[in-house]
Amino acid sequence: MEIEYCEVLPSDAKRVVDYLNIVADQTTNLTFGADDDKLNEIQEMELIQEINDDPNSIMIVAKDDNQIVGMVSLKGNSKKRLKHHASLGISVLKDYWNQGIGSNLLSATIGYAIEAGLEIIDLEVVTDNMAAIVLYKKFGFEIIGRYDNYMKIGDEYLNVYLMNLYL
């Protein structure tokens, strides 16, 4: 298996939507689920173009053959006072967990952030998602706080850690 990593293009919108529909059903660690409203291909294309037009943002996918199996997005901030940091979101299809894909996506994104002159990357991670927490700590992220009841799935609340990385 050879995984290819590349920046997302608007022409990838359909594959991104298909990927998000699959990954949303596989875990409760994401801020969206299978029952959420989905972006359609046109909306996703516009979002990808918006990210590509922002020098402080990037979206990178991991592809196995032509199927997206992992994705990371780094979203910069347009406000002057907040331009020095960006928020990160990452996911990998369950069949591809523990194969280094998350590490490779994170490494590429951090490299991009450094080149872009960003100073801080922040993220939220479900407190019992130990695999992700270990991954983030491996790259130097630190827990800076806890947000109780951050997500609600049915009647169950999930807590998250707020983590950041100073570049």
C-alpha atoms as a PDB file:
ATOM      1  CA  MET A   1       0.000   0.000   0.000  1.00  0.00           C
ATOM      2  CA  GLU A   2       1.416   3.345  -1.059  1.00  0.00           C
ATOM      3  CA  ILE A   3      -0.272   6.404   0.424  1.00  0.00           C
ATOM      4  CA  GLU A   4      -0.023   9.664  -1.521  1.00  0.00           C
ATOM      5  CA  TYR A   5      -0.243  12.996   0.319  1.00  0.00           C
ATOM      6  CA  CYS A   6      -1.348  16.093  -1.540  1.00  0.00           C
ATOM      7  CA  GLU A   7      -3.012  19.439  -1.130  1.00  0.00           C
ATOM      8  CA  VAL A   8      -6.727  19.342  -1.883  1.00  0.00           C
ATOM      9  CA  LEU A   9      -7.931  20.919  -5.091  1.00  0.00           C
ATOM     10  CA  PRO A  10     -11.489  22.044  -5.885  1.00  0.00           C
ATOM     11  CA  SER A  11     -11.684  19.114  -8.325  1.00  0.00           C
ATOM     12  CA  ASP A  12     -11.367  16.790  -5.280  1.00  0.00           C
ATOM     13  CA  ALA A  13     -14.657  18.071  -3.801  1.00  0.00           C
ATOM     14  CA  LYS A  14     -16.727  14.965  -4.598  1.00  0.00           C
ATOM     15  CA  ARG A  15     -14.089  12.651  -3.098  1.00  0.00           C
ATOM     16  CA  VAL A  16     -13.868  14.885   0.001  1.00  0.00           C
ATOM     17  CA  VAL A  17     -17.654  14.769   0.490  1.00  0.00           C
ATOM     18  CA  ASP A  18     -17.638  10.974   0.048  1.00  0.00           C
ATOM     19  CA  TYR A  19     -14.787  10.675   2.570  1.00  0.00           C
ATOM     20  CA  LEU A  20     -16.518  12.893   5.146  1.00  0.00           C
ATOM     21  CA  ASN A  21     -19.723  10.859   4.827  1.00  0.00           C
ATOM     22  CA  ILE A  22     -17.791   7.672   5.616  1.00  0.00           C
ATOM     23  CA  VAL A  23     -15.594   8.991   8.436  1.00  0.00           C
ATOM     24  CA  ALA A  24     -18.559  10.716  10.126  1.00  0.00           C
ATOM     25  CA  ASP A  25     -20.103   7.290  10.673  1.00  0.00           C
ATOM     26  CA  GLN A  26     -16.967   5.660  12.119  1.00  0.00           C
ATOM     27  CA  THR A  27     -16.233   7.583  15.298  1.00  0.00           C
ATOM     28  CA  THR A  28     -17.665   9.914  17.930  1.00  0.00           C
ATOM     29  CA  ASN A  29     -14.344  11.770  18.150  1.00  0.00           C
ATOM     30  CA  LEU A  30     -15.274  14.277  15.434  1.00  0.00           C
ATOM     31  CA  THR A  31     -17.355  17.431  15.818  1.00  0.00           C
ATOM     32  CA  PHE A  32     -19.732  16.140  13.145  1.00  0.00           C
ATOM     33  CA  GLY A  33     -21.615  12.905  12.702  1.00  0.00           C
ATOM     34  CA  ALA A  34     -23.450  10.995  10.018  1.00  0.00           C
ATOM     35  CA  ASP A  35     -26.710  12.680  11.050  1.00  0.00           C
ATOM     36  CA  ASP A  36     -25.370  16.216  10.470  1.00  0.00           C
ATOM     37  CA  ASP A  37     -26.180  18.279   7.419  1.00  0.00           C
ATOM     38  CA  LYS A  38     -23.629  17.534   4.756  1.00  0.00           C
ATOM     39  CA  LEU A  39     -21.949  19.973   2.429  1.00  0.00           C
ATOM     40  CA  ASN A  40     -22.761  19.228  -1.152  1.00  0.00           C
ATOM     41  CA  GLU A  41     -20.088  19.023  -3.826  1.00  0.00           C
ATOM     42  CA  ILE A  42     -20.505  22.676  -4.870  1.00  0.00           C
ATOM     43  CA  GLN A  43     -20.289  23.937  -1.267  1.00  0.00           C
ATOM     44  CA  GLU A  44     -17.227  21.764  -0.637  1.00  0.00           C
ATOM     45  CA  MET A  45     -15.607  23.082  -3.821  1.00  0.00           C
ATOM     46  CA  GLU A  46     -16.145  26.650  -2.598  1.00  0.00           C
ATOM     47  CA  LEU A  47     -14.726  25.789   0.832  1.00  0.00           C
ATOM     48  CA  ILE A  48     -11.642  24.186  -0.716  1.00  0.00           C
ATOM     49  CA  GLN A  49     -11.098  27.239  -2.918  1.00  0.00           C
ATOM     50  CA  GLU A  50     -11.446  29.524   0.131  1.00  0.00           C
ATOM     51  CA  ILE A  51      -8.823  27.482   2.007  1.00  0.00           C
ATOM     52  CA  ASN A  52      -6.495  27.438  -1.018  1.00  0.00           C
ATOM     53  CA  ASP A  53      -6.795  31.235  -1.353  1.00  0.00           C
ATOM     54  CA  ASP A  54      -5.768  31.796   2.298  1.00  0.00           C
ATOM     55  CA  PRO A  55      -1.980  31.660   2.843  1.00  0.00           C
ATOM     56  CA  ASN A  56      -2.581  30.681   6.502  1.00  0.00           C
ATOM     57  CA  SER A  57      -4.795  27.707   5.647  1.00  0.00           C
ATOM     58  CA  ILE A  58      -4.278  24.340   3.979  1.00  0.00           C
ATOM     59  CA  MET A  59      -6.144  21.086   3.480  1.00  0.00           C
ATOM     60  CA  ILE A  60      -4.106  17.950   2.821  1.00  0.00           C
ATOM     61  CA  VAL A  61      -5.461  14.516   2.007  1.00  0.00           C
ATOM     62  CA  ALA A  62      -3.987  11.054   2.189  1.00  0.00           C
ATOM     63  CA  LYS A  63      -5.003   8.915  -0.788  1.00  0.00           C
ATOM     64  CA  ASP A  64      -4.822   5.170  -1.240  1.00  0.00           C
ATOM     65  CA  ASP A  65      -5.073   4.755  -4.983  1.00  0.00           C
ATOM     66  CA  ASN A  66      -7.679   7.447  -5.678  1.00  0.00           C
ATOM     67  CA  GLN A  67      -9.669   7.085  -2.435  1.00  0.00           C
ATOM     68  CA  ILE A  68      -9.219   9.647   0.321  1.00  0.00           C
ATOM     69  CA  VAL A  69      -8.348   7.781   3.517  1.00  0.00           C
ATOM     70  CA  GLY A  70      -7.251  10.689   5.719  1.00  0.00           C
ATOM     71  CA  MET A  71      -7.526  14.432   5.807  1.00  0.00           C
ATOM     72  CA  VAL A  72      -6.190  17.382   7.771  1.00  0.00           C
ATOM     73  CA  SER A  73      -7.229  21.003   7.580  1.00  0.00           C
ATOM     74  CA  LEU A  74      -5.488  23.997   9.034  1.00  0.00           C
ATOM     75  CA  LYS A  75      -7.737  27.045   9.104  1.00  0.00           C
ATOM     76  CA  GLY A  76      -6.103  30.411   9.558  1.00  0.00           C
ATOM     77  CA  ASN A  77      -7.750  33.486  10.986  1.00  0.00           C
ATOM     78  CA  SER A  78      -8.456  36.637   8.996  1.00  0.00           C
ATOM     79  CA  LYS A  79      -8.587  38.939  12.037  1.00  0.00           C
ATOM     80  CA  LYS A  80      -5.333  40.901  12.419  1.00  0.00           C
ATOM     81  CA  ARG A  81      -5.031  40.161  16.122  1.00  0.00           C
ATOM     82  CA  LEU A  82      -5.466  36.429  15.543  1.00  0.00           C
ATOM     83  CA  LYS A  83      -3.551  35.962  12.269  1.00  0.00           C
ATOM     84  CA  HIS A  84      -0.635  34.336  14.097  1.00  0.00           C
ATOM     85  CA  HIS A  85      -2.548  31.154  14.872  1.00  0.00           C
ATOM     86  CA  ALA A  86      -4.703  28.566  13.140  1.00  0.00           C
ATOM     87  CA  SER A  87      -7.037  25.724  14.109  1.00  0.00           C
ATOM     88  CA  LEU A  88      -6.411  22.128  13.130  1.00  0.00           C
ATOM     89  CA  GLY A  89      -8.793  19.263  12.397  1.00  0.00           C
ATOM     90  CA  ILE A  90      -7.690  15.787  11.365  1.00  0.00           C
ATOM     91  CA  SER A  91      -9.325  12.436  10.636  1.00  0.00           C
ATOM     92  CA  VAL A  92      -8.384   9.049   9.205  1.00  0.00           C
ATOM     93  CA  LEU A  93     -10.652   6.219   8.058  1.00  0.00           C
ATOM     94  CA  LYS A  94     -10.860   3.482  10.686  1.00  0.00           C
ATOM     95  CA  ASP A  95      -9.364   0.811   8.369  1.00  0.00           C
ATOM     96  CA  TYR A  96      -6.250   3.002   8.115  1.00  0.00           C
ATOM     97  CA  TRP A  97      -5.702   3.754  11.807  1.00  0.00           C
ATOM     98  CA  ASN A  98      -2.271   2.958  13.307  1.00  0.00           C
ATOM     99  CA  GLN A  99      -0.466   3.089   9.962  1.00  0.00           C
ATOM    100  CA  GLY A 100       1.294   6.438  10.401  1.00  0.00           C
ATOM    101  CA  ILE A 101      -1.121   8.406   8.233  1.00  0.00           C
ATOM    102  CA  GLY A 102      -2.096  10.793  11.035  1.00  0.00           C
ATOM    103  CA  SER A 103       1.588  11.413  11.802  1.00  0.00           C
ATOM    104  CA  ASN A 104       2.381  12.129   8.162  1.00  0.00           C
ATOM    105  CA  LEU A 105      -0.591  14.484   7.787  1.00  0.00           C
ATOM    106  CA  LEU A 106       0.310  16.292  11.002  1.00  0.00           C
ATOM    107  CA  SER A 107       3.981  16.587  10.059  1.00  0.00           C
ATOM    108  CA  ALA A 108       3.146  18.083   6.655  1.00  0.00           C
ATOM    109  CA  THR A 109       0.697  20.529   8.207  1.00  0.00           C
ATOM    110  CA  ILE A 110       3.123  21.702  10.880  1.00  0.00           C
ATOM    111  CA  GLY A 111       5.758  22.204   8.197  1.00  0.00           C
ATOM    112  CA  TYR A 112       3.315  24.290   6.188  1.00  0.00           C
ATOM    113  CA  ALA A 113       2.380  26.348   9.265  1.00  0.00           C
ATOM    114  CA  ILE A 114       6.031  27.119   9.995  1.00  0.00           C
ATOM    115  CA  GLU A 115       6.654  28.189   6.378  1.00  0.00           C
ATOM    116  CA  ALA A 116       3.505  30.360   6.496  1.00  0.00           C
ATOM    117  CA  GLY A 117       4.867  32.151   9.572  1.00  0.00           C
ATOM    118  CA  LEU A 118       2.147  30.943  11.914  1.00  0.00           C
ATOM    119  CA  GLU A 119       3.052  30.875  15.600  1.00  0.00           C
ATOM    120  CA  ILE A 120       0.342  28.726  17.231  1.00  0.00           C
ATOM    121  CA  ILE A 121      -1.767  25.756  16.147  1.00  0.00           C
ATOM    122  CA  ASP A 122      -4.760  24.897  18.315  1.00  0.00           C
ATOM    123  CA  LEU A 123      -7.183  21.985  18.377  1.00  0.00           C
ATOM    124  CA  GLU A 124      -9.784  20.211  20.469  1.00  0.00           C
ATOM    125  CA  VAL A 125      -9.607  16.469  21.195  1.00  0.00           C
ATOM    126  CA  VAL A 126     -12.096  14.234  23.019  1.00  0.00           C
ATOM    127  CA  THR A 127     -10.605  13.462  26.447  1.00  0.00           C
ATOM    128  CA  ASP A 128     -10.815   9.679  26.008  1.00  0.00           C
ATOM    129  CA  ASN A 129      -9.278   9.672  22.507  1.00  0.00           C
ATOM    130  CA  MET A 130      -5.924   8.499  23.824  1.00  0.00           C
ATOM    131  CA  ALA A 131      -4.468   7.593  20.420  1.00  0.00           C
ATOM    132  CA  ALA A 132      -4.970  11.158  19.179  1.00  0.00           C
ATOM    133  CA  ILE A 133      -3.703  12.712  22.413  1.00  0.00           C
ATOM    134  CA  VAL A 134      -0.517  10.604  22.240  1.00  0.00           C
ATOM    135  CA  LEU A 135      -0.076  11.627  18.584  1.00  0.00           C
ATOM    136  CA  TYR A 136      -0.476  15.323  19.340  1.00  0.00           C
ATOM    137  CA  LYS A 137       1.898  15.161  22.312  1.00  0.00           C
ATOM    138  CA  LYS A 138       4.467  13.377  20.103  1.00  0.00           C
ATOM    139  CA  PHE A 139       4.484  16.509  17.939  1.00  0.00           C
ATOM    140  CA  GLY A 140       4.778  18.868  20.915  1.00  0.00           C
ATOM    141  CA  PHE A 141       1.157  19.857  21.494  1.00  0.00           C
ATOM    142  CA  GLU A 142       0.276  20.551  25.118  1.00  0.00           C
ATOM    143  CA  ILE A 143      -3.026  20.378  26.939  1.00  0.00           C
ATOM    144  CA  ILE A 144      -3.933  23.916  27.940  1.00  0.00           C
ATOM    145  CA  GLY A 145      -7.423  23.314  29.267  1.00  0.00           C
ATOM    146  CA  ARG A 146     -10.501  21.162  29.408  1.00  0.00           C
ATOM    147  CA  TYR A 147     -13.923  22.014  28.040  1.00  0.00           C
ATOM    148  CA  ASP A 148     -16.638  19.913  29.716  1.00  0.00           C
ATOM    149  CA  ASN A 149     -19.792  19.027  27.783  1.00  0.00           C
ATOM    150  CA  TYR A 150     -18.230  20.336  24.557  1.00  0.00           C
ATOM    151  CA  MET A 151     -20.151  17.895  22.363  1.00  0.00           C
ATOM    152  CA  LYS A 152     -23.477  16.184  22.843  1.00  0.00           C
ATOM    153  CA  ILE A 153     -24.324  12.936  21.100  1.00  0.00           C
ATOM    154  CA  GLY A 154     -27.862  11.901  21.922  1.00  0.00           C
ATOM    155  CA  ASP A 155     -28.052  12.329  25.700  1.00  0.00           C
ATOM    156  CA  GLU A 156     -24.316  11.843  26.266  1.00  0.00           C
ATOM    157  CA  TYR A 157     -21.875  14.720  26.696  1.00  0.00           C
ATOM    158  CA  LEU A 158     -18.256  14.479  25.640  1.00  0.00           C
ATOM    159  CA  ASN A 159     -15.463  16.539  27.163  1.00  0.00           C
ATOM    160  CA  VAL A 160     -12.501  17.788  25.174  1.00  0.00           C
ATOM    161  CA  TYR A 161      -9.018  18.943  25.916  1.00  0.00           C
ATOM    162  CA  LEU A 162      -7.896  22.170  24.350  1.00  0.00           C
ATOM    163  CA  MET A 163      -4.389  21.682  23.023  1.00  0.00           C
ATOM    164  CA  ASN A 164      -1.946  23.933  21.255  1.00  0.00           C
ATOM    165  CA  LEU A 165       1.499  23.918  19.733  1.00  0.00           C
ATOM    166  CA  TYR A 166       3.794  26.934  19.811  1.00  0.00           C
ATOM    167  CA  LEU A 167       5.888  26.915  16.638  1.00  0.00           C
END
